[in-house]
């Protein structure tokens, strides 16, 4: 299977004007699945991990922003909060 790794940002917006979190990540996609696996570009400290877990629990929808594009994704943590699975929500 083809795998493609890119650097991106995961953003959590409270409203169109307020971004509460912007985290640099490395995403790996498997062709044809519509899913990404995300790892944080640098280790998160305990406070940031707890805050991210609270955001995911409150509303799991994030913006996945690449250099020239962005897409809304739903985040699901696995392997703790250090590793996320991102999917494009079905309409």
PDB file of N, CA and C in Angstrom:
ATOM      1  N   UNK A   1       0.832  -1.181   0.000  1.00  0.00           N
ATOM      2  CA  UNK A   1       0.000   0.000   0.000  1.00  0.00           C
ATOM      3  C   UNK A   1       0.874   1.241   0.000  1.00  0.00           C
ATOM      4  N   UNK A   2       0.407   2.264  -0.667  1.00  0.00           N
ATOM      5  CA  UNK A   2       1.119   3.527  -0.664  1.00  0.00           C
ATOM      6  C   UNK A   2       0.891   4.251   0.656  1.00  0.00           C
ATOM      7  N   UNK A   3       1.973   4.787   1.200  1.00  0.00           N
ATOM      8  CA  UNK A   3       1.875   5.586   2.430  1.00  0.00           C
ATOM      9  C   UNK A   3       2.575   6.908   2.151  1.00  0.00           C
ATOM     10  N   UNK A   4       1.978   7.963   2.646  1.00  0.00           N
ATOM     11  CA  UNK A   4       2.494   9.298   2.398  1.00  0.00           C
ATOM     12  C   UNK A   4       2.508  10.053   3.716  1.00  0.00           C
ATOM     13  N   UNK A   5       3.675  10.554   4.130  1.00  0.00           N
ATOM     14  CA  UNK A   5       3.777  11.302   5.381  1.00  0.00           C
ATOM     15  C   UNK A   5       3.983  12.774   5.070  1.00  0.00           C
ATOM     16  N   UNK A   6       3.222  13.628   5.755  1.00  0.00           N
ATOM     17  CA  UNK A   6       3.299  15.076   5.570  1.00  0.00           C
ATOM     18  C   UNK A   6       3.273  15.765   6.919  1.00  0.00           C
ATOM     19  N   UNK A   7       3.786  16.984   6.926  1.00  0.00           N
ATOM     20  CA  UNK A   7       3.683  17.831   8.106  1.00  0.00           C
ATOM     21  C   UNK A   7       2.436  18.686   7.960  1.00  0.00           C
ATOM     22  N   UNK A   8       1.699  18.853   9.043  1.00  0.00           N
ATOM     23  CA  UNK A   8       0.458  19.626   9.023  1.00  0.00           C
ATOM     24  C   UNK A   8       0.227  20.222  10.407  1.00  0.00           C
ATOM     25  N   UNK A   9      -0.882  20.921  10.562  1.00  0.00           N
ATOM     26  CA  UNK A   9      -1.289  21.441  11.864  1.00  0.00           C
ATOM     27  C   UNK A   9      -2.700  20.966  12.151  1.00  0.00           C
ATOM     28  N   UNK A  10      -2.933  20.604  13.383  1.00  0.00           N
ATOM     29  CA  UNK A  10      -4.252  20.230  13.849  1.00  0.00           C
ATOM     30  C   UNK A  10      -4.761  21.402  14.669  1.00  0.00           C
ATOM     31  N   UNK A  11      -5.912  21.963  14.266  1.00  0.00           N
ATOM     32  CA  UNK A  11      -6.449  23.147  14.931  1.00  0.00           C
ATOM     33  C   UNK A  11      -7.833  22.854  15.497  1.00  0.00           C
ATOM     34  N   UNK A  12      -8.102  23.406  16.666  1.00  0.00           N
ATOM     35  CA  UNK A  12      -9.419  23.281  17.289  1.00  0.00           C
ATOM     36  C   UNK A  12      -9.966  24.689  17.440  1.00  0.00           C
ATOM     37  N   UNK A  13     -11.052  24.977  16.720  1.00  0.00           N
ATOM     38  CA  UNK A  13     -11.658  26.309  16.687  1.00  0.00           C
ATOM     39  C   UNK A  13     -12.908  26.338  17.555  1.00  0.00           C
ATOM     40  N   UNK A  14     -12.969  27.296  18.482  1.00  0.00           N
ATOM     41  CA  UNK A  14     -14.153  27.478  19.317  1.00  0.00           C
ATOM     42  C   UNK A  14     -15.275  28.133  18.514  1.00  0.00           C
ATOM     43  N   UNK A  15     -14.882  29.009  17.585  1.00  0.00           N
ATOM     44  CA  UNK A  15     -15.804  29.694  16.683  1.00  0.00           C
ATOM     45  C   UNK A  15     -14.972  30.177  15.497  1.00  0.00           C
ATOM     46  N   UNK A  16     -15.552  30.830  14.496  1.00  0.00           N
ATOM     47  CA  UNK A  16     -14.763  31.221  13.320  1.00  0.00           C
ATOM     48  C   UNK A  16     -13.616  32.197  13.599  1.00  0.00           C
ATOM     49  N   UNK A  17     -13.582  32.774  14.784  1.00  0.00           N
ATOM     50  CA  UNK A  17     -12.571  33.788  15.091  1.00  0.00           C
ATOM     51  C   UNK A  17     -11.569  33.366  16.167  1.00  0.00           C
ATOM     52  N   UNK A  18     -11.821  32.246  16.869  1.00  0.00           N
ATOM     53  CA  UNK A  18     -11.002  31.873  18.021  1.00  0.00           C
ATOM     54  C   UNK A  18     -10.462  30.454  17.887  1.00  0.00           C
ATOM     55  N   UNK A  19      -9.165  30.348  17.646  1.00  0.00           N
ATOM     56  CA  UNK A  19      -8.497  29.052  17.589  1.00  0.00           C
ATOM     57  C   UNK A  19      -7.932  28.759  18.983  1.00  0.00           C
ATOM     58  N   UNK A  20      -8.426  27.706  19.627  1.00  0.00           N
ATOM     59  CA  UNK A  20      -7.992  27.372  20.984  1.00  0.00           C
ATOM     60  C   UNK A  20      -6.758  26.497  21.020  1.00  0.00           C
ATOM     61  N   UNK A  21      -6.489  25.803  19.930  1.00  0.00           N
ATOM     62  CA  UNK A  21      -5.310  24.935  19.906  1.00  0.00           C
ATOM     63  C   UNK A  21      -4.803  24.827  18.477  1.00  0.00           C
ATOM     64  N   UNK A  22      -3.487  24.863  18.326  1.00  0.00           N
ATOM     65  CA  UNK A  22      -2.842  24.642  17.017  1.00  0.00           C
ATOM     66  C   UNK A  22      -1.572  23.848  17.311  1.00  0.00           C
ATOM     67  N   UNK A  23      -1.554  22.603  16.845  1.00  0.00           N
ATOM     68  CA  UNK A  23      -0.479  21.687  17.182  1.00  0.00           C
ATOM     69  C   UNK A  23       0.151  21.145  15.906  1.00  0.00           C
ATOM     70  N   UNK A  24       1.453  21.201  15.824  1.00  0.00           N
ATOM     71  CA  UNK A  24       2.181  20.672  14.685  1.00  0.00           C
ATOM     72  C   UNK A  24       2.200  19.144  14.773  1.00  0.00           C
ATOM     73  N   UNK A  25       1.842  18.505  13.661  1.00  0.00           N
ATOM     74  CA  UNK A  25       1.790  17.043  13.627  1.00  0.00           C
ATOM     75  C   UNK A  25       2.414  16.519  12.350  1.00  0.00           C
ATOM     76  N   UNK A  26       2.711  15.231  12.361  1.00  0.00           N
ATOM     77  CA  UNK A  26       3.098  14.486  11.164  1.00  0.00           C
ATOM     78  C   UNK A  26       1.960  13.520  10.882  1.00  0.00           C
ATOM     79  N   UNK A  27       1.406  13.600   9.695  1.00  0.00           N
ATOM     80  CA  UNK A  27       0.301  12.714   9.350  1.00  0.00           C
ATOM     81  C   UNK A  27       0.741  11.724   8.281  1.00  0.00           C
ATOM     82  N   UNK A  28       0.273  10.522   8.443  1.00  0.00           N
ATOM     83  CA  UNK A  28       0.532   9.465   7.470  1.00  0.00           C
ATOM     84  C   UNK A  28      -0.820   8.963   6.988  1.00  0.00           C
ATOM     85  N   UNK A  29      -0.969   8.902   5.688  1.00  0.00           N
ATOM     86  CA  UNK A  29      -2.221   8.422   5.112  1.00  0.00           C
ATOM     87  C   UNK A  29      -1.977   7.120   4.368  1.00  0.00           C
ATOM     88  N   UNK A  30      -2.992   6.301   4.357  1.00  0.00           N
ATOM     89  CA  UNK A  30      -2.957   5.082   3.545  1.00  0.00           C
ATOM     90  C   UNK A  30      -3.905   5.317   2.386  1.00  0.00           C
ATOM     91  N   UNK A  31      -3.423   5.142   1.180  1.00  0.00           N
ATOM     92  CA  UNK A  31      -4.199   5.456  -0.026  1.00  0.00           C
ATOM     93  C   UNK A  31      -5.571   4.786  -0.001  1.00  0.00           C
ATOM     94  N   UNK A  32      -6.586   5.585  -0.311  1.00  0.00           N
ATOM     95  CA  UNK A  32      -7.925   5.047  -0.483  1.00  0.00           C
ATOM     96  C   UNK A  32      -8.744   4.844   0.779  1.00  0.00           C
ATOM     97  N   UNK A  33      -8.219   5.189   1.957  1.00  0.00           N
ATOM     98  CA  UNK A  33      -8.972   4.936   3.181  1.00  0.00           C
ATOM     99  C   UNK A  33      -9.693   6.167   3.709  1.00  0.00           C
ATOM    100  N   UNK A  34      -9.231   7.378   3.379  1.00  0.00           N
ATOM    101  CA  UNK A  34      -9.816   8.593   3.943  1.00  0.00           C
ATOM    102  C   UNK A  34      -9.432   8.812   5.383  1.00  0.00           C
ATOM    103  N   UNK A  35      -8.435   8.078   5.867  1.00  0.00           N
ATOM    104  CA  UNK A  35      -7.965   8.219   7.244  1.00  0.00           C
ATOM    105  C   UNK A  35      -6.503   8.604   7.264  1.00  0.00           C
ATOM    106  N   UNK A  36      -6.140   9.280   8.346  1.00  0.00           N
ATOM    107  CA  UNK A  36      -4.747   9.603   8.616  1.00  0.00           C
ATOM    108  C   UNK A  36      -4.405   9.125  10.012  1.00  0.00           C
ATOM    109  N   UNK A  37      -3.159   8.781  10.214  1.00  0.00           N
ATOM    110  CA  UNK A  37      -2.623   8.560  11.553  1.00  0.00           C
ATOM    111  C   UNK A  37      -1.733   9.753  11.840  1.00  0.00           C
ATOM    112  N   UNK A  38      -1.905  10.354  13.000  1.00  0.00           N
ATOM    113  CA  UNK A  38      -1.179  11.570  13.339  1.00  0.00           C
ATOM    114  C   UNK A  38      -0.304  11.350  14.563  1.00  0.00           C
ATOM    115  N   UNK A  39       0.928  11.809  14.464  1.00  0.00           N
ATOM    116  CA  UNK A  39       1.866  11.842  15.584  1.00  0.00           C
ATOM    117  C   UNK A  39       2.302  13.287  15.770  1.00  0.00           C
ATOM    118  N   UNK A  40       2.506  13.697  16.983  1.00  0.00           N
ATOM    119  CA  UNK A  40       2.914  15.069  17.254  1.00  0.00           C
ATOM    120  C   UNK A  40       4.367  15.268  16.871  1.00  0.00           C
ATOM    121  N   UNK A  41       4.654  16.413  16.245  1.00  0.00           N
ATOM    122  CA  UNK A  41       6.006  16.692  15.768  1.00  0.00           C
ATOM    123  C   UNK A  41       7.007  16.758  16.904  1.00  0.00           C
ATOM    124  N   UNK A  42       6.565  17.227  18.056  1.00  0.00           N
ATOM    125  CA  UNK A  42       7.417  17.224  19.252  1.00  0.00           C
ATOM    126  C   UNK A  42       6.579  16.702  20.411  1.00  0.00           C
ATOM    127  N   UNK A  43       7.215  16.102  21.400  1.00  0.00           N
ATOM    128  CA  UNK A  43       6.457  15.542  22.527  1.00  0.00           C
ATOM    129  C   UNK A  43       5.641  16.629  23.245  1.00  0.00           C
ATOM    130  N   UNK A  44       4.429  16.257  23.661  1.00  0.00           N
ATOM    131  CA  UNK A  44       3.567  17.181  24.387  1.00  0.00           C
ATOM    132  C   UNK A  44       3.820  17.049  25.880  1.00  0.00           C
ATOM    133  N   UNK A  45       3.860  18.200  26.579  1.00  0.00           N
ATOM    134  CA  UNK A  45       3.991  18.106  28.028  1.00  0.00           C
ATOM    135  C   UNK A  45       2.645  17.682  28.628  1.00  0.00           C
ATOM    136  N   UNK A  46       2.641  17.328  29.880  1.00  0.00           N
ATOM    137  CA  UNK A  46       1.460  16.760  30.532  1.00  0.00           C
ATOM    138  C   UNK A  46       0.252  17.698  30.464  1.00  0.00           C
ATOM    139  N   UNK A  47       0.446  18.995  30.681  1.00  0.00           N
ATOM    140  CA  UNK A  47      -0.668  19.949  30.634  1.00  0.00           C
ATOM    141  C   UNK A  47      -1.298  20.015  29.252  1.00  0.00           C
ATOM    142  N   UNK A  48      -0.468  20.068  28.211  1.00  0.00           N
ATOM    143  CA  UNK A  48      -0.986  20.130  26.846  1.00  0.00           C
ATOM    144  C   UNK A  48      -1.720  18.839  26.511  1.00  0.00           C
ATOM    145  N   UNK A  49      -1.199  17.712  26.938  1.00  0.00           N
ATOM    146  CA  UNK A  49      -1.872  16.426  26.695  1.00  0.00           C
ATOM    147  C   UNK A  49      -3.242  16.389  27.353  1.00  0.00           C
ATOM    148  N   UNK A  50      -3.322  16.867  28.605  1.00  0.00           N
ATOM    149  CA  UNK A  50      -4.607  16.887  29.310  1.00  0.00           C
ATOM    150  C   UNK A  50      -5.587  17.835  28.630  1.00  0.00           C
ATOM    151  N   UNK A  51      -5.098  19.005  28.204  1.00  0.00           N
ATOM    152  CA  UNK A  51      -5.967  19.960  27.514  1.00  0.00           C
ATOM    153  C   UNK A  51      -6.466  19.391  26.191  1.00  0.00           C
ATOM    154  N   UNK A  52      -5.590  18.730  25.445  1.00  0.00           N
ATOM    155  CA  UNK A  52      -5.990  18.129  24.181  1.00  0.00           C
ATOM    156  C   UNK A  52      -7.029  17.038  24.410  1.00  0.00           C
ATOM    157  N   UNK A  53      -6.848  16.225  25.417  1.00  0.00           N
ATOM    158  CA  UNK A  53      -7.812  15.173  25.750  1.00  0.00           C
ATOM    159  C   UNK A  53      -9.173  15.792  26.062  1.00  0.00           C
ATOM    160  N   UNK A  54      -9.190  16.913  26.804  1.00  0.00           N
ATOM    161  CA  UNK A  54     -10.448  17.594  27.117  1.00  0.00           C
ATOM    162  C   UNK A  54     -11.115  18.124  25.848  1.00  0.00           C
ATOM    163  N   UNK A  55     -10.320  18.679  24.926  1.00  0.00           N
ATOM    164  CA  UNK A  55     -10.884  19.174  23.675  1.00  0.00           C
ATOM    165  C   UNK A  55     -11.494  18.039  22.861  1.00  0.00           C
ATOM    166  N   UNK A  56     -10.799  16.915  22.771  1.00  0.00           N
ATOM    167  CA  UNK A  56     -11.318  15.762  22.020  1.00  0.00           C
ATOM    168  C   UNK A  56     -12.606  15.261  22.659  1.00  0.00           C
ATOM    169  N   UNK A  57     -12.638  15.216  23.981  1.00  0.00           N
ATOM    170  CA  UNK A  57     -13.844  14.764  24.676  1.00  0.00           C
ATOM    171  C   UNK A  57     -15.007  15.742  24.494  1.00  0.00           C
ATOM    172  N   UNK A  58     -14.712  17.051  24.442  1.00  0.00           N
ATOM    173  CA  UNK A  58     -15.755  18.070  24.308  1.00  0.00           C
ATOM    174  C   UNK A  58     -16.321  18.117  22.891  1.00  0.00           C
ATOM    175  N   UNK A  59     -15.454  18.043  21.907  1.00  0.00           N
ATOM    176  CA  UNK A  59     -15.865  18.124  20.500  1.00  0.00           C
ATOM    177  C   UNK A  59     -14.708  17.595  19.670  1.00  0.00           C
ATOM    178  N   UNK A  60     -14.880  16.453  19.072  1.00  0.00           N
ATOM    179  CA  UNK A  60     -13.763  15.766  18.411  1.00  0.00           C
ATOM    180  C   UNK A  60     -13.482  16.264  16.998  1.00  0.00           C
ATOM    181  N   UNK A  61     -14.124  17.359  16.580  1.00  0.00           N
ATOM    182  CA  UNK A  61     -13.907  17.882  15.233  1.00  0.00           C
ATOM    183  C   UNK A  61     -12.822  18.942  15.234  1.00  0.00           C
ATOM    184  N   UNK A  62     -11.835  18.749  14.365  1.00  0.00           N
ATOM    185  CA  UNK A  62     -10.682  19.631  14.249  1.00  0.00           C
ATOM    186  C   UNK A  62     -10.514  20.036  12.796  1.00  0.00           C
ATOM    187  N   UNK A  63      -9.692  21.037  12.567  1.00  0.00           N
ATOM    188  CA  UNK A  63      -9.279  21.392  11.214  1.00  0.00           C
ATOM    189  C   UNK A  63      -7.874  20.844  11.009  1.00  0.00           C
ATOM    190  N   UNK A  64      -7.693  20.058   9.962  1.00  0.00           N
ATOM    191  CA  UNK A  64      -6.384  19.557   9.581  1.00  0.00           C
ATOM    192  C   UNK A  64      -5.879  20.475   8.478  1.00  0.00           C
ATOM    193  N   UNK A  65      -4.834  21.259   8.771  1.00  0.00           N
ATOM    194  CA  UNK A  65      -4.357  22.282   7.847  1.00  0.00           C
ATOM    195  C   UNK A  65      -2.992  21.897   7.288  1.00  0.00           C
ATOM    196  N   UNK A  66      -2.959  21.755   5.960  1.00  0.00           N
ATOM    197  CA  UNK A  66      -1.715  21.562   5.235  1.00  0.00           C
ATOM    198  C   UNK A  66      -1.277  22.930   4.717  1.00  0.00           C
ATOM    199  N   UNK A  67      -0.172  23.001   3.999  1.00  0.00           N
ATOM    200  CA  UNK A  67       0.323  24.286   3.498  1.00  0.00           C
ATOM    201  C   UNK A  67      -0.738  25.074   2.732  1.00  0.00           C
ATOM    202  N   UNK A  68      -1.359  24.457   1.755  1.00  0.00           N
ATOM    203  CA  UNK A  68      -2.266  25.180   0.867  1.00  0.00           C
ATOM    204  C   UNK A  68      -3.719  24.748   0.981  1.00  0.00           C
ATOM    205  N   UNK A  69      -4.040  23.884   1.918  1.00  0.00           N
ATOM    206  CA  UNK A  69      -5.415  23.407   2.018  1.00  0.00           C
ATOM    207  C   UNK A  69      -5.746  23.033   3.461  1.00  0.00           C
ATOM    208  N   UNK A  70      -7.038  22.861   3.700  1.00  0.00           N
ATOM    209  CA  UNK A  70      -7.502  22.452   5.031  1.00  0.00           C
ATOM    210  C   UNK A  70      -8.747  21.590   4.854  1.00  0.00           C
ATOM    211  N   UNK A  71      -8.954  20.697   5.802  1.00  0.00           N
ATOM    212  CA  UNK A  71     -10.118  19.824   5.780  1.00  0.00           C
ATOM    213  C   UNK A  71     -10.560  19.590   7.225  1.00  0.00           C
ATOM    214  N   UNK A  72     -11.869  19.461   7.414  1.00  0.00           N
ATOM    215  CA  UNK A  72     -12.383  19.143   8.740  1.00  0.00           C
ATOM    216  C   UNK A  72     -12.239  17.652   8.970  1.00  0.00           C
ATOM    217  N   UNK A  73     -11.751  17.285  10.152  1.00  0.00           N
ATOM    218  CA  UNK A  73     -11.564  15.876  10.501  1.00  0.00           C
ATOM    219  C   UNK A  73     -12.112  15.610  11.894  1.00  0.00           C
ATOM    220  N   UNK A  74     -12.392  14.364  12.141  1.00  0.00           N
ATOM    221  CA  UNK A  74     -12.773  13.925  13.471  1.00  0.00           C
ATOM    222  C   UNK A  74     -11.581  13.174  14.051  1.00  0.00           C
ATOM    223  N   UNK A  75     -11.203  13.551  15.272  1.00  0.00           N
ATOM    224  CA  UNK A  75     -10.036  12.957  15.920  1.00  0.00           C
ATOM    225  C   UNK A  75     -10.472  11.914  16.940  1.00  0.00           C
ATOM    226  N   UNK A  76      -9.758  10.813  16.934  1.00  0.00           N
ATOM    227  CA  UNK A  76      -9.972   9.751  17.907  1.00  0.00           C
ATOM    228  C   UNK A  76      -8.599   9.359  18.431  1.00  0.00           C
ATOM    229  N   UNK A  77      -8.439   9.396  19.744  1.00  0.00           N
ATOM    230  CA  UNK A  77      -7.130   9.042  20.272  1.00  0.00           C
ATOM    231  C   UNK A  77      -7.008   7.529  20.414  1.00  0.00           C
ATOM    232  N   UNK A  78      -5.808   7.049  20.166  1.00  0.00           N
ATOM    233  CA  UNK A  78      -5.466   5.674  20.489  1.00  0.00           C
ATOM    234  C   UNK A  78      -3.999   5.687  20.845  1.00  0.00           C
ATOM    235  N   UNK A  79      -3.584   4.727  21.622  1.00  0.00           N
ATOM    236  CA  UNK A  79      -2.224   4.750  22.169  1.00  0.00           C
ATOM    237  C   UNK A  79      -2.061   6.001  23.037  1.00  0.00           C
ATOM    238  N   UNK A  80      -3.067   6.248  23.900  1.00  0.00           N
ATOM    239  CA  UNK A  80      -3.063   7.475  24.682  1.00  0.00           C
ATOM    240  C   UNK A  80      -3.416   8.631  23.770  1.00  0.00           C
ATOM    241  N   UNK A  81      -2.998   9.817  24.143  1.00  0.00           N
ATOM    242  CA  UNK A  81      -3.257  10.985  23.303  1.00  0.00           C
ATOM    243  C   UNK A  81      -2.048  11.259  22.421  1.00  0.00           C
ATOM    244  N   UNK A  82      -1.027  10.418  22.486  1.00  0.00           N
ATOM    245  CA  UNK A  82       0.181  10.637  21.689  1.00  0.00           C
ATOM    246  C   UNK A  82       0.002  10.287  20.223  1.00  0.00           C
ATOM    247  N   UNK A  83      -1.027   9.554  19.916  1.00  0.00           N
ATOM    248  CA  UNK A  83      -1.231   9.048  18.563  1.00  0.00           C
ATOM    249  C   UNK A  83      -2.720   9.191  18.263  1.00  0.00           C
ATOM    250  N   UNK A  84      -3.065   9.896  17.203  1.00  0.00           N
ATOM    251  CA  UNK A  84      -4.466  10.127  16.861  1.00  0.00           C
ATOM    252  C   UNK A  84      -4.816   9.482  15.529  1.00  0.00           C
ATOM    253  N   UNK A  85      -6.061   9.087  15.405  1.00  0.00           N
ATOM    254  CA  UNK A  85      -6.614   8.643  14.125  1.00  0.00           C
ATOM    255  C   UNK A  85      -7.546   9.761  13.671  1.00  0.00           C
ATOM    256  N   UNK A  86      -7.365  10.237  12.457  1.00  0.00           N
ATOM    257  CA  UNK A  86      -8.156  11.320  11.902  1.00  0.00           C
ATOM    258  C   UNK A  86      -8.968  10.795  10.729  1.00  0.00           C
ATOM    259  N   UNK A  87     -10.265  11.095  10.715  1.00  0.00           N
ATOM    260  CA  UNK A  87     -11.127  10.690   9.607  1.00  0.00           C
ATOM    261  C   UNK A  87     -11.939  11.897   9.140  1.00  0.00           C
ATOM    262  N   UNK A  88     -12.275  11.892   7.873  1.00  0.00           N
ATOM    263  CA  UNK A  88     -13.159  12.928   7.345  1.00  0.00           C
ATOM    264  C   UNK A  88     -14.589  12.504   7.683  1.00  0.00           C
ATOM    265  N   UNK A  89     -15.335  13.358   8.405  1.00  0.00           N
ATOM    266  CA  UNK A  89     -16.696  12.983   8.786  1.00  0.00           C
ATOM    267  C   UNK A  89     -17.605  12.847   7.554  1.00  0.00           C
ATOM    268  N   UNK A  90     -18.495  11.885   7.611  1.00  0.00           N
ATOM    269  CA  UNK A  90     -19.458  11.699   6.529  1.00  0.00           C
ATOM    270  C   UNK A  90     -20.589  12.702   6.701  1.00  0.00           C
ATOM    271  N   UNK A  91     -21.030  13.261   5.609  1.00  0.00           N
ATOM    272  CA  UNK A  91     -22.115  14.254   5.653  1.00  0.00           C
ATOM    273  C   UNK A  91     -23.452  13.608   5.651  1.00  0.00           C
TER     274      UNK A  91
END
